[in-house]
Amino acid sequence: MSHILQRWWRTLIGVLSGFFGVQSERRREEDFKEGRAIHFVVVGLLMAALFVIFVIFLVRWALSLSGA
């Protein structure tokens, strides 16, 4: 795995664990020392957008099941 891909993978894992609130203090400190802010912003925005899209589809599916 290339260094760039590893960096993005660690950023993704850091953002996901932050979303779920399970990131350790040590890991958070490592992310802030080693990671670049733009990576966290980009991945965070993408994950937030995916979450919103997921919720929209979930609500539409639930409404279609209820006959509304």
C-alpha atoms as a PDB file:
ATOM      1  CA  MET A   1       0.000   0.000   0.000  1.00  0.00           C
ATOM      2  CA  SER A   2       1.439   3.372  -0.927  1.00  0.00           C
ATOM      3  CA  HIS A   3       2.131   6.026   1.675  1.00  0.00           C
ATOM      4  CA  ILE A   4      -0.567   8.330   0.272  1.00  0.00           C
ATOM      5  CA  LEU A   5      -3.188   5.578   0.338  1.00  0.00           C
ATOM      6  CA  GLN A   6      -2.224   4.701   3.910  1.00  0.00           C
ATOM      7  CA  ARG A   7      -2.593   8.341   4.948  1.00  0.00           C
ATOM      8  CA  TRP A   8      -6.087   8.580   3.424  1.00  0.00           C
ATOM      9  CA  TRP A   9      -7.054   5.236   4.961  1.00  0.00           C
ATOM     10  CA  ARG A  10      -5.941   6.418   8.424  1.00  0.00           C
ATOM     11  CA  THR A  11      -7.889   9.642   7.878  1.00  0.00           C
ATOM     12  CA  LEU A  12     -11.012   7.699   6.923  1.00  0.00           C
ATOM     13  CA  ILE A  13     -10.702   5.475   9.991  1.00  0.00           C
ATOM     14  CA  GLY A  14     -10.135   8.536  12.177  1.00  0.00           C
ATOM     15  CA  VAL A  15     -13.197  10.326  10.814  1.00  0.00           C
ATOM     16  CA  LEU A  16     -15.405   7.229  11.114  1.00  0.00           C
ATOM     17  CA  SER A  17     -14.326   6.578  14.678  1.00  0.00           C
ATOM     18  CA  GLY A  18     -14.940  10.251  15.438  1.00  0.00           C
ATOM     19  CA  PHE A  19     -18.446  10.018  13.953  1.00  0.00           C
ATOM     20  CA  PHE A  20     -19.217   7.077  16.229  1.00  0.00           C
ATOM     21  CA  GLY A  21     -17.389   8.563  19.231  1.00  0.00           C
ATOM     22  CA  VAL A  22     -15.096   5.593  19.775  1.00  0.00           C
ATOM     23  CA  GLN A  23     -11.721   7.141  18.977  1.00  0.00           C
ATOM     24  CA  SER A  24      -9.147   6.926  21.745  1.00  0.00           C
ATOM     25  CA  GLU A  25      -7.373  10.022  23.019  1.00  0.00           C
ATOM     26  CA  ARG A  26      -4.018   8.626  21.873  1.00  0.00           C
ATOM     27  CA  ARG A  27      -5.295   8.003  18.352  1.00  0.00           C
ATOM     28  CA  ARG A  28      -6.869  11.476  18.183  1.00  0.00           C
ATOM     29  CA  GLU A  29      -3.569  13.074  19.189  1.00  0.00           C
ATOM     30  CA  GLU A  30      -1.727  11.007  16.557  1.00  0.00           C
ATOM     31  CA  ASP A  31      -4.203  12.104  13.913  1.00  0.00           C
ATOM     32  CA  PHE A  32      -3.690  15.774  14.756  1.00  0.00           C
ATOM     33  CA  LYS A  33       0.098  15.409  14.787  1.00  0.00           C
ATOM     34  CA  GLU A  34       0.463  13.349  11.606  1.00  0.00           C
ATOM     35  CA  GLY A  35      -2.662  14.155   9.610  1.00  0.00           C
ATOM     36  CA  ARG A  36      -3.331  17.143   7.411  1.00  0.00           C
ATOM     37  CA  ALA A  37      -6.355  19.278   8.167  1.00  0.00           C
ATOM     38  CA  ILE A  38      -7.567  19.331   4.556  1.00  0.00           C
ATOM     39  CA  HIS A  39      -7.750  15.535   4.538  1.00  0.00           C
ATOM     40  CA  PHE A  40      -9.986  15.519   7.608  1.00  0.00           C
ATOM     41  CA  VAL A  41     -12.179  18.287   6.184  1.00  0.00           C
ATOM     42  CA  VAL A  42     -12.637  16.523   2.830  1.00  0.00           C
ATOM     43  CA  VAL A  43     -13.316  13.097   4.335  1.00  0.00           C
ATOM     44  CA  GLY A  44     -15.562  14.577   7.023  1.00  0.00           C
ATOM     45  CA  LEU A  45     -17.668  16.458   4.465  1.00  0.00           C
ATOM     46  CA  LEU A  46     -17.953  13.371   2.258  1.00  0.00           C
ATOM     47  CA  MET A  47     -18.982  11.186   5.189  1.00  0.00           C
ATOM     48  CA  ALA A  48     -21.532  13.771   6.355  1.00  0.00           C
ATOM     49  CA  ALA A  49     -22.992  13.965   2.833  1.00  0.00           C
ATOM     50  CA  LEU A  50     -23.197  10.173   2.629  1.00  0.00           C
ATOM     51  CA  PHE A  51     -24.942  10.089   5.999  1.00  0.00           C
ATOM     52  CA  VAL A  52     -27.527  12.657   4.879  1.00  0.00           C
ATOM     53  CA  ILE A  53     -28.153  10.743   1.636  1.00  0.00           C
ATOM     54  CA  PHE A  54     -28.539   7.514   3.616  1.00  0.00           C
ATOM     55  CA  VAL A  55     -31.084   9.121   5.954  1.00  0.00           C
ATOM     56  CA  ILE A  56     -33.057  10.535   3.006  1.00  0.00           C
ATOM     57  CA  PHE A  57     -33.243   7.113   1.353  1.00  0.00           C
ATOM     58  CA  LEU A  58     -34.144   5.479   4.656  1.00  0.00           C
ATOM     59  CA  VAL A  59     -37.012   7.915   5.224  1.00  0.00           C
ATOM     60  CA  ARG A  60     -38.271   7.495   1.653  1.00  0.00           C
ATOM     61  CA  TRP A  61     -38.163   3.713   2.042  1.00  0.00           C
ATOM     62  CA  ALA A  62     -40.032   3.867   5.355  1.00  0.00           C
ATOM     63  CA  LEU A  63     -42.668   6.161   3.838  1.00  0.00           C
ATOM     64  CA  SER A  64     -43.123   3.844   0.865  1.00  0.00           C
ATOM     65  CA  LEU A  65     -43.696   0.914   3.238  1.00  0.00           C
ATOM     66  CA  SER A  66     -46.295   2.869   5.175  1.00  0.00           C
ATOM     67  CA  GLY A  67     -48.195   3.774   2.007  1.00  0.00           C
ATOM     68  CA  ALA A  68     -47.728   7.513   2.424  1.00  0.00           C
END
